Amino acid sequence: MGGSHLVGNSYHCFNLCKVTYYIFADIIFLACNDFKPAYRFDPLISKQVGAGFFSFFIFAQTAIMNIRLIAIGKTDNKNLQSLIDDYTKRLSFYIRFDLEIIADIKNVKNLSESQQKEKEGELILSKLTATDQLILLDENGKTFSSVAFSEELQKKMNSGVKTLVFVIGGPYGFSDTVYAKANGKISLSLMTFSHQMVRLFFIEQLYRGFTILKNEPYHHQ
């Protein structure tokens, strides 16, 4: 994942420089025109300057927040893994993102469902730090449209969250200990998907969310 971080950070630096250039260009333009009051009433110029400051704010926030997705068990399907890799790479251009896989519990045949959830829960919690904000992907969680989810991501960035951690649980869900630690729950759908497919769907939604925030043409209403 180190390569994706390098690409993502380079992209952030490029865009921050580009946006900063436009902001200073606007300031110079205003100075050369003696900051005439007409500027405040020119919709085109106002929109350009406003967009510059808004873009600077977005890039500054995304450069600070990290997103981690924790899942249990490797992805067996090579086609799914290829798509996961593709969207992970795309997402790295917008924010620092890590997909962390916890190895399957060994000898699960000798464990009850609750025992398996407890062991998985211990491994999940061991991946967290005190300042992480934990969100569980859970069938009983809150549902969002893609646009609403993008707005939720923006709220997290605005609130100063340093690391936002999403977790996809094992086949039986989460232990009570993990639920007690969580800051929230979200559901992708009322339908049931395999845990391996959910990884792809969720990473795609993260990518879609950031393209929405940037007003890029990927998402269509």
C-alpha atoms as a PDB file:
ATOM      1  CA  MET A   1       0.000   0.000   0.000  1.00  0.00           C
ATOM      2  CA  GLY A   2       3.061   2.256   0.256  1.00  0.00           C
ATOM      3  CA  GLY A   3       2.927   2.943  -3.479  1.00  0.00           C
ATOM      4  CA  SER A   4      -0.669   4.119  -3.355  1.00  0.00           C
ATOM      5  CA  HIS A   5       0.202   6.466  -0.464  1.00  0.00           C
ATOM      6  CA  LEU A   6       3.011   7.977  -2.551  1.00  0.00           C
ATOM      7  CA  VAL A   7       0.729   8.471  -5.536  1.00  0.00           C
ATOM      8  CA  GLY A   8      -2.051   9.868  -3.350  1.00  0.00           C
ATOM      9  CA  ASN A   9       0.222  12.274  -1.483  1.00  0.00           C
ATOM     10  CA  SER A  10       1.789  13.492  -4.751  1.00  0.00           C
ATOM     11  CA  TYR A  11      -1.663  14.121  -6.116  1.00  0.00           C
ATOM     12  CA  HIS A  12      -2.650  16.105  -3.009  1.00  0.00           C
ATOM     13  CA  CYS A  13       0.508  18.219  -3.286  1.00  0.00           C
ATOM     14  CA  PHE A  14      -0.139  18.903  -6.965  1.00  0.00           C
ATOM     15  CA  ASN A  15      -3.731  19.931  -6.368  1.00  0.00           C
ATOM     16  CA  LEU A  16      -2.903  22.056  -3.329  1.00  0.00           C
ATOM     17  CA  CYS A  17      -0.295  23.901  -5.399  1.00  0.00           C
ATOM     18  CA  LYS A  18      -2.725  24.295  -8.270  1.00  0.00           C
ATOM     19  CA  VAL A  19      -5.552  25.599  -6.089  1.00  0.00           C
ATOM     20  CA  THR A  20      -3.172  27.919  -4.227  1.00  0.00           C
ATOM     21  CA  TYR A  21      -2.047  29.306  -7.580  1.00  0.00           C
ATOM     22  CA  TYR A  22      -5.640  30.099  -8.565  1.00  0.00           C
ATOM     23  CA  ILE A  23      -6.363  31.773  -5.239  1.00  0.00           C
ATOM     24  CA  PHE A  24      -3.302  34.021  -5.479  1.00  0.00           C
ATOM     25  CA  ALA A  25      -4.088  34.733  -9.130  1.00  0.00           C
ATOM     26  CA  ASP A  26      -7.530  35.923  -8.048  1.00  0.00           C
ATOM     27  CA  ILE A  27      -6.003  38.099  -5.305  1.00  0.00           C
ATOM     28  CA  ILE A  28      -3.572  39.672  -7.787  1.00  0.00           C
ATOM     29  CA  PHE A  29      -6.447  40.272 -10.191  1.00  0.00           C
ATOM     30  CA  LEU A  30      -8.383  42.058  -7.479  1.00  0.00           C
ATOM     31  CA  ALA A  31      -5.368  44.109  -6.414  1.00  0.00           C
ATOM     32  CA  CYS A  32      -4.746  45.252  -9.983  1.00  0.00           C
ATOM     33  CA  ASN A  33      -8.348  46.388 -10.127  1.00  0.00           C
ATOM     34  CA  ASP A  34      -8.109  48.286  -6.833  1.00  0.00           C
ATOM     35  CA  PHE A  35     -10.497  45.805  -5.223  1.00  0.00           C
ATOM     36  CA  LYS A  36     -13.390  47.549  -6.925  1.00  0.00           C
ATOM     37  CA  PRO A  37     -16.779  46.892  -5.332  1.00  0.00           C
ATOM     38  CA  ALA A  38     -18.033  45.637  -8.694  1.00  0.00           C
ATOM     39  CA  TYR A  39     -16.098  42.410  -7.979  1.00  0.00           C
ATOM     40  CA  ARG A  40     -18.514  41.495  -5.227  1.00  0.00           C
ATOM     41  CA  PHE A  41     -21.385  41.655  -7.639  1.00  0.00           C
ATOM     42  CA  ASP A  42     -19.781  39.852 -10.576  1.00  0.00           C
ATOM     43  CA  PRO A  43     -21.224  36.320 -10.312  1.00  0.00           C
ATOM     44  CA  LEU A  44     -18.566  34.753 -12.542  1.00  0.00           C
ATOM     45  CA  ILE A  45     -15.572  36.135 -10.631  1.00  0.00           C
ATOM     46  CA  SER A  46     -17.215  35.476  -7.278  1.00  0.00           C
ATOM     47  CA  LYS A  47     -17.864  31.889  -8.302  1.00  0.00           C
ATOM     48  CA  GLN A  48     -14.258  31.382  -9.419  1.00  0.00           C
ATOM     49  CA  VAL A  49     -12.769  32.776  -6.214  1.00  0.00           C
ATOM     50  CA  GLY A  50     -15.286  30.918  -4.049  1.00  0.00           C
ATOM     51  CA  ALA A  51     -14.550  27.672  -5.872  1.00  0.00           C
ATOM     52  CA  GLY A  52     -10.856  28.218  -5.313  1.00  0.00           C
ATOM     53  CA  PHE A  53     -11.219  28.610  -1.559  1.00  0.00           C
ATOM     54  CA  PHE A  54     -13.703  25.701  -1.377  1.00  0.00           C
ATOM     55  CA  SER A  55     -11.350  23.416  -3.328  1.00  0.00           C
ATOM     56  CA  PHE A  56      -8.456  24.440  -1.097  1.00  0.00           C
ATOM     57  CA  PHE A  57     -10.568  23.572   1.968  1.00  0.00           C
ATOM     58  CA  ILE A  58     -11.571  20.165   0.533  1.00  0.00           C
ATOM     59  CA  PHE A  59      -8.023  19.196  -0.388  1.00  0.00           C
ATOM     60  CA  ALA A  60      -6.622  20.394   2.936  1.00  0.00           C
ATOM     61  CA  GLN A  61      -9.160  18.290   4.832  1.00  0.00           C
ATOM     62  CA  THR A  62      -8.716  15.130   2.735  1.00  0.00           C
ATOM     63  CA  ALA A  63      -4.955  15.436   3.068  1.00  0.00           C
ATOM     64  CA  ILE A  64      -5.367  15.229   6.855  1.00  0.00           C
ATOM     65  CA  MET A  65      -7.973  12.487   7.368  1.00  0.00           C
ATOM     66  CA  ASN A  66      -7.154   8.815   6.808  1.00  0.00           C
ATOM     67  CA  ILE A  67      -9.643   6.053   6.049  1.00  0.00           C
ATOM     68  CA  ARG A  68      -9.055   2.416   6.924  1.00  0.00           C
ATOM     69  CA  LEU A  69     -11.222  -0.552   5.989  1.00  0.00           C
ATOM     70  CA  ILE A  70     -10.721  -3.686   8.081  1.00  0.00           C
ATOM     71  CA  ALA A  71     -12.086  -7.018   6.843  1.00  0.00           C
ATOM     72  CA  ILE A  72     -11.746 -10.620   7.971  1.00  0.00           C
ATOM     73  CA  GLY A  73     -10.359 -13.221   5.575  1.00  0.00           C
ATOM     74  CA  LYS A  74      -8.586 -12.784   2.250  1.00  0.00           C
ATOM     75  CA  THR A  75     -10.486 -12.299  -1.007  1.00  0.00           C
ATOM     76  CA  ASP A  76     -10.429 -15.654  -2.801  1.00  0.00           C
ATOM     77  CA  ASN A  77     -11.950 -14.524  -6.107  1.00  0.00           C
ATOM     78  CA  LYS A  78      -9.231 -13.075  -8.362  1.00  0.00           C
ATOM     79  CA  ASN A  79     -11.745 -11.054 -10.391  1.00  0.00           C
ATOM     80  CA  LEU A  80     -13.111  -9.426  -7.248  1.00  0.00           C
ATOM     81  CA  GLN A  81      -9.597  -8.741  -5.992  1.00  0.00           C
ATOM     82  CA  SER A  82      -8.683  -7.108  -9.303  1.00  0.00           C
ATOM     83  CA  LEU A  83     -11.653  -4.735  -9.021  1.00  0.00           C
ATOM     84  CA  ILE A  84     -10.866  -4.037  -5.361  1.00  0.00           C
ATOM     85  CA  ASP A  85      -7.307  -3.137  -6.350  1.00  0.00           C
ATOM     86  CA  ASP A  86      -8.596  -0.884  -9.131  1.00  0.00           C
ATOM     87  CA  TYR A  87     -10.921   1.130  -6.884  1.00  0.00           C
ATOM     88  CA  THR A  88      -8.336   1.232  -4.097  1.00  0.00           C
ATOM     89  CA  LYS A  89      -5.922   2.845  -6.540  1.00  0.00           C
ATOM     90  CA  ARG A  90      -8.569   5.310  -7.720  1.00  0.00           C
ATOM     91  CA  LEU A  91      -9.480   6.223  -4.146  1.00  0.00           C
ATOM     92  CA  SER A  92      -5.834   6.897  -3.260  1.00  0.00           C
ATOM     93  CA  PHE A  93      -5.936   9.997  -5.485  1.00  0.00           C
ATOM     94  CA  TYR A  94      -8.439  11.589  -3.097  1.00  0.00           C
ATOM     95  CA  ILE A  95      -7.469  10.409   0.372  1.00  0.00           C
ATOM     96  CA  ARG A  96      -5.061   8.146   2.196  1.00  0.00           C
ATOM     97  CA  PHE A  97      -6.759   4.738   2.295  1.00  0.00           C
ATOM     98  CA  ASP A  98      -5.749   1.346   3.696  1.00  0.00           C
ATOM     99  CA  LEU A  99      -7.488  -2.002   3.283  1.00  0.00           C
ATOM    100  CA  GLU A 100      -6.378  -4.255   6.144  1.00  0.00           C
ATOM    101  CA  ILE A 101      -7.176  -7.957   6.088  1.00  0.00           C
ATOM    102  CA  ILE A 102      -7.358  -9.989   9.285  1.00  0.00           C
ATOM    103  CA  ALA A 103      -6.533 -13.650   8.700  1.00  0.00           C
ATOM    104  CA  ASP A 104      -9.345 -16.159   9.139  1.00  0.00           C
ATOM    105  CA  ILE A 105      -9.610 -17.692  12.600  1.00  0.00           C
ATOM    106  CA  LYS A 106      -8.081 -21.180  12.664  1.00  0.00           C
ATOM    107  CA  ASN A 107     -10.007 -24.258  13.792  1.00  0.00           C
ATOM    108  CA  VAL A 108     -13.362 -22.464  13.644  1.00  0.00           C
ATOM    109  CA  LYS A 109     -15.113 -25.862  13.528  1.00  0.00           C
ATOM    110  CA  ASN A 110     -14.277 -26.231  17.183  1.00  0.00           C
ATOM    111  CA  LEU A 111     -15.788 -22.847  18.079  1.00  0.00           C
ATOM    112  CA  SER A 112     -19.364 -21.756  18.649  1.00  0.00           C
ATOM    113  CA  GLU A 113     -20.672 -18.706  16.766  1.00  0.00           C
ATOM    114  CA  SER A 114     -20.267 -16.514  19.850  1.00  0.00           C
ATOM    115  CA  GLN A 115     -16.720 -17.772  20.463  1.00  0.00           C
ATOM    116  CA  GLN A 116     -15.777 -17.038  16.855  1.00  0.00           C
ATOM    117  CA  LYS A 117     -17.221 -13.518  17.101  1.00  0.00           C
ATOM    118  CA  GLU A 118     -15.298 -12.903  20.323  1.00  0.00           C
ATOM    119  CA  LYS A 119     -11.984 -13.992  18.807  1.00  0.00           C
ATOM    120  CA  GLU A 120     -12.602 -11.910  15.683  1.00  0.00           C
ATOM    121  CA  GLY A 121     -13.608  -8.993  17.886  1.00  0.00           C
ATOM    122  CA  GLU A 122     -10.345  -9.164  19.823  1.00  0.00           C
ATOM    123  CA  LEU A 123      -8.395  -9.014  16.560  1.00  0.00           C
ATOM    124  CA  ILE A 124     -10.474  -6.092  15.279  1.00  0.00           C
ATOM    125  CA  LEU A 125     -10.031  -4.063  18.461  1.00  0.00           C
ATOM    126  CA  SER A 126      -6.291  -4.757  18.467  1.00  0.00           C
ATOM    127  CA  LYS A 127      -6.074  -2.828  15.183  1.00  0.00           C
ATOM    128  CA  LEU A 128      -7.524   0.359  16.684  1.00  0.00           C
ATOM    129  CA  THR A 129      -5.937   3.326  18.413  1.00  0.00           C
ATOM    130  CA  ALA A 130      -7.571   5.521  21.048  1.00  0.00           C
ATOM    131  CA  THR A 131      -8.341   8.318  18.571  1.00  0.00           C
ATOM    132  CA  ASP A 132      -9.801   6.168  15.774  1.00  0.00           C
ATOM    133  CA  GLN A 133     -13.484   6.620  14.976  1.00  0.00           C
ATOM    134  CA  LEU A 134     -15.007   3.173  14.434  1.00  0.00           C
ATOM    135  CA  ILE A 135     -17.920   2.601  12.046  1.00  0.00           C
ATOM    136  CA  LEU A 136     -19.312  -0.906  11.562  1.00  0.00           C
ATOM    137  CA  LEU A 137     -20.841  -2.166   8.323  1.00  0.00           C
ATOM    138  CA  ASP A 138     -23.888  -3.818   9.794  1.00  0.00           C
ATOM    139  CA  GLU A 139     -27.260  -4.920   8.439  1.00  0.00           C
ATOM    140  CA  ASN A 140     -28.989  -2.933  11.178  1.00  0.00           C
ATOM    141  CA  GLY A 141     -27.005   0.219  10.484  1.00  0.00           C
ATOM    142  CA  LYS A 142     -28.117   3.517   8.998  1.00  0.00           C
ATOM    143  CA  THR A 143     -28.645   3.594   5.238  1.00  0.00           C
ATOM    144  CA  PHE A 144     -27.464   6.418   2.973  1.00  0.00           C
ATOM    145  CA  SER A 145     -27.877   7.426  -0.616  1.00  0.00           C
ATOM    146  CA  SER A 146     -24.537   7.922  -2.382  1.00  0.00           C
ATOM    147  CA  VAL A 147     -24.925  11.700  -2.136  1.00  0.00           C
ATOM    148  CA  ALA A 148     -25.851  11.542   1.551  1.00  0.00           C
ATOM    149  CA  PHE A 149     -22.862   9.287   2.200  1.00  0.00           C
ATOM    150  CA  SER A 150     -20.543  11.793   0.519  1.00  0.00           C
ATOM    151  CA  GLU A 151     -21.984  14.493   2.773  1.00  0.00           C
ATOM    152  CA  GLU A 152     -21.356  12.266   5.795  1.00  0.00           C
ATOM    153  CA  LEU A 153     -17.718  11.887   4.750  1.00  0.00           C
ATOM    154  CA  GLN A 154     -17.448  15.663   4.472  1.00  0.00           C
ATOM    155  CA  LYS A 155     -18.889  16.072   7.972  1.00  0.00           C
ATOM    156  CA  LYS A 156     -16.275  13.670   9.334  1.00  0.00           C
ATOM    157  CA  MET A 157     -13.506  15.671   7.667  1.00  0.00           C
ATOM    158  CA  ASN A 158     -14.934  18.960   8.904  1.00  0.00           C
ATOM    159  CA  SER A 159     -15.116  17.644  12.465  1.00  0.00           C
ATOM    160  CA  GLY A 160     -11.379  16.946  12.506  1.00  0.00           C
ATOM    161  CA  VAL A 161     -11.480  13.139  12.560  1.00  0.00           C
ATOM    162  CA  LYS A 162      -7.924  11.946  11.986  1.00  0.00           C
ATOM    163  CA  THR A 163      -8.613   8.294  11.185  1.00  0.00           C
ATOM    164  CA  LEU A 164     -11.989   6.899  10.186  1.00  0.00           C
ATOM    165  CA  VAL A 165     -12.102   3.108  10.484  1.00  0.00           C
ATOM    166  CA  PHE A 166     -14.783   1.026   8.793  1.00  0.00           C
ATOM    167  CA  VAL A 167     -15.047  -2.687   9.607  1.00  0.00           C
ATOM    168  CA  ILE A 168     -16.639  -5.585   7.734  1.00  0.00           C
ATOM    169  CA  GLY A 169     -17.220  -8.365  10.232  1.00  0.00           C
ATOM    170  CA  GLY A 170     -17.038 -12.126   9.893  1.00  0.00           C
ATOM    171  CA  PRO A 171     -19.878 -14.454   8.796  1.00  0.00           C
ATOM    172  CA  TYR A 172     -21.724 -14.076  12.108  1.00  0.00           C
ATOM    173  CA  GLY A 173     -21.286 -10.339  12.581  1.00  0.00           C
ATOM    174  CA  PHE A 174     -19.693  -8.581  15.537  1.00  0.00           C
ATOM    175  CA  SER A 175     -19.209  -9.349  19.208  1.00  0.00           C
ATOM    176  CA  ASP A 176     -20.907  -7.268  21.876  1.00  0.00           C
ATOM    177  CA  THR A 177     -17.494  -5.814  22.772  1.00  0.00           C
ATOM    178  CA  VAL A 178     -17.024  -4.458  19.241  1.00  0.00           C
ATOM    179  CA  TYR A 179     -20.552  -3.039  19.182  1.00  0.00           C
ATOM    180  CA  ALA A 180     -19.861  -1.266  22.478  1.00  0.00           C
ATOM    181  CA  LYS A 181     -16.703   0.306  21.057  1.00  0.00           C
ATOM    182  CA  ALA A 182     -18.291   1.467  17.793  1.00  0.00           C
ATOM    183  CA  ASN A 183     -19.125   5.109  17.082  1.00  0.00           C
ATOM    184  CA  GLY A 184     -21.747   4.187  14.510  1.00  0.00           C
ATOM    185  CA  LYS A 185     -23.168   1.600  12.117  1.00  0.00           C
ATOM    186  CA  ILE A 186     -24.045   1.825   8.433  1.00  0.00           C
ATOM    187  CA  SER A 187     -25.801  -0.575   6.099  1.00  0.00           C
ATOM    188  CA  LEU A 188     -25.111  -0.775   2.367  1.00  0.00           C
ATOM    189  CA  SER A 189     -28.411  -2.435   1.576  1.00  0.00           C
ATOM    190  CA  LEU A 190     -31.342  -4.385   2.959  1.00  0.00           C
ATOM    191  CA  MET A 191     -30.149  -7.227   0.728  1.00  0.00           C
ATOM    192  CA  THR A 192     -27.487  -9.693   1.823  1.00  0.00           C
ATOM    193  CA  PHE A 193     -24.120  -9.814   0.030  1.00  0.00           C
ATOM    194  CA  SER A 194     -21.083 -11.997   0.564  1.00  0.00           C
ATOM    195  CA  HIS A 195     -18.459 -10.414   2.802  1.00  0.00           C
ATOM    196  CA  GLN A 196     -15.967 -10.441  -0.061  1.00  0.00           C
ATOM    197  CA  MET A 197     -18.338  -8.597  -2.404  1.00  0.00           C
ATOM    198  CA  VAL A 198     -19.124  -6.013   0.271  1.00  0.00           C
ATOM    199  CA  ARG A 199     -15.458  -4.973   0.230  1.00  0.00           C
ATOM    200  CA  LEU A 200     -15.675  -4.045  -3.430  1.00  0.00           C
ATOM    201  CA  PHE A 201     -19.059  -2.339  -3.099  1.00  0.00           C
ATOM    202  CA  PHE A 202     -17.943  -0.251  -0.133  1.00  0.00           C
ATOM    203  CA  ILE A 203     -14.619   0.863  -1.615  1.00  0.00           C
ATOM    204  CA  GLU A 204     -16.480   1.847  -4.790  1.00  0.00           C
ATOM    205  CA  GLN A 205     -18.902   3.908  -2.697  1.00  0.00           C
ATOM    206  CA  LEU A 206     -16.009   5.668  -0.962  1.00  0.00           C
ATOM    207  CA  TYR A 207     -14.557   6.504  -4.367  1.00  0.00           C
ATOM    208  CA  ARG A 208     -17.971   7.633  -5.620  1.00  0.00           C
ATOM    209  CA  GLY A 209     -18.401   9.807  -2.537  1.00  0.00           C
ATOM    210  CA  PHE A 210     -15.210  11.741  -3.189  1.00  0.00           C
ATOM    211  CA  THR A 211     -16.020  12.225  -6.872  1.00  0.00           C
ATOM    212  CA  ILE A 212     -19.362  13.684  -5.747  1.00  0.00           C
ATOM    213  CA  LEU A 213     -17.586  16.071  -3.360  1.00  0.00           C
ATOM    214  CA  LYS A 214     -15.379  17.214  -6.226  1.00  0.00           C
ATOM    215  CA  ASN A 215     -18.316  17.534  -8.658  1.00  0.00           C
ATOM    216  CA  GLU A 216     -16.746  15.042 -11.036  1.00  0.00           C
ATOM    217  CA  PRO A 217     -18.879  13.267 -13.667  1.00  0.00           C
ATOM    218  CA  TYR A 218     -18.523   9.697 -12.282  1.00  0.00           C
ATOM    219  CA  HIS A 219     -21.821   9.839 -10.360  1.00  0.00           C
ATOM    220  CA  HIS A 220     -25.168  10.452 -12.110  1.00  0.00           C
ATOM    221  CA  GLN A 221     -28.367  11.322 -10.307  1.00  0.00           C
END
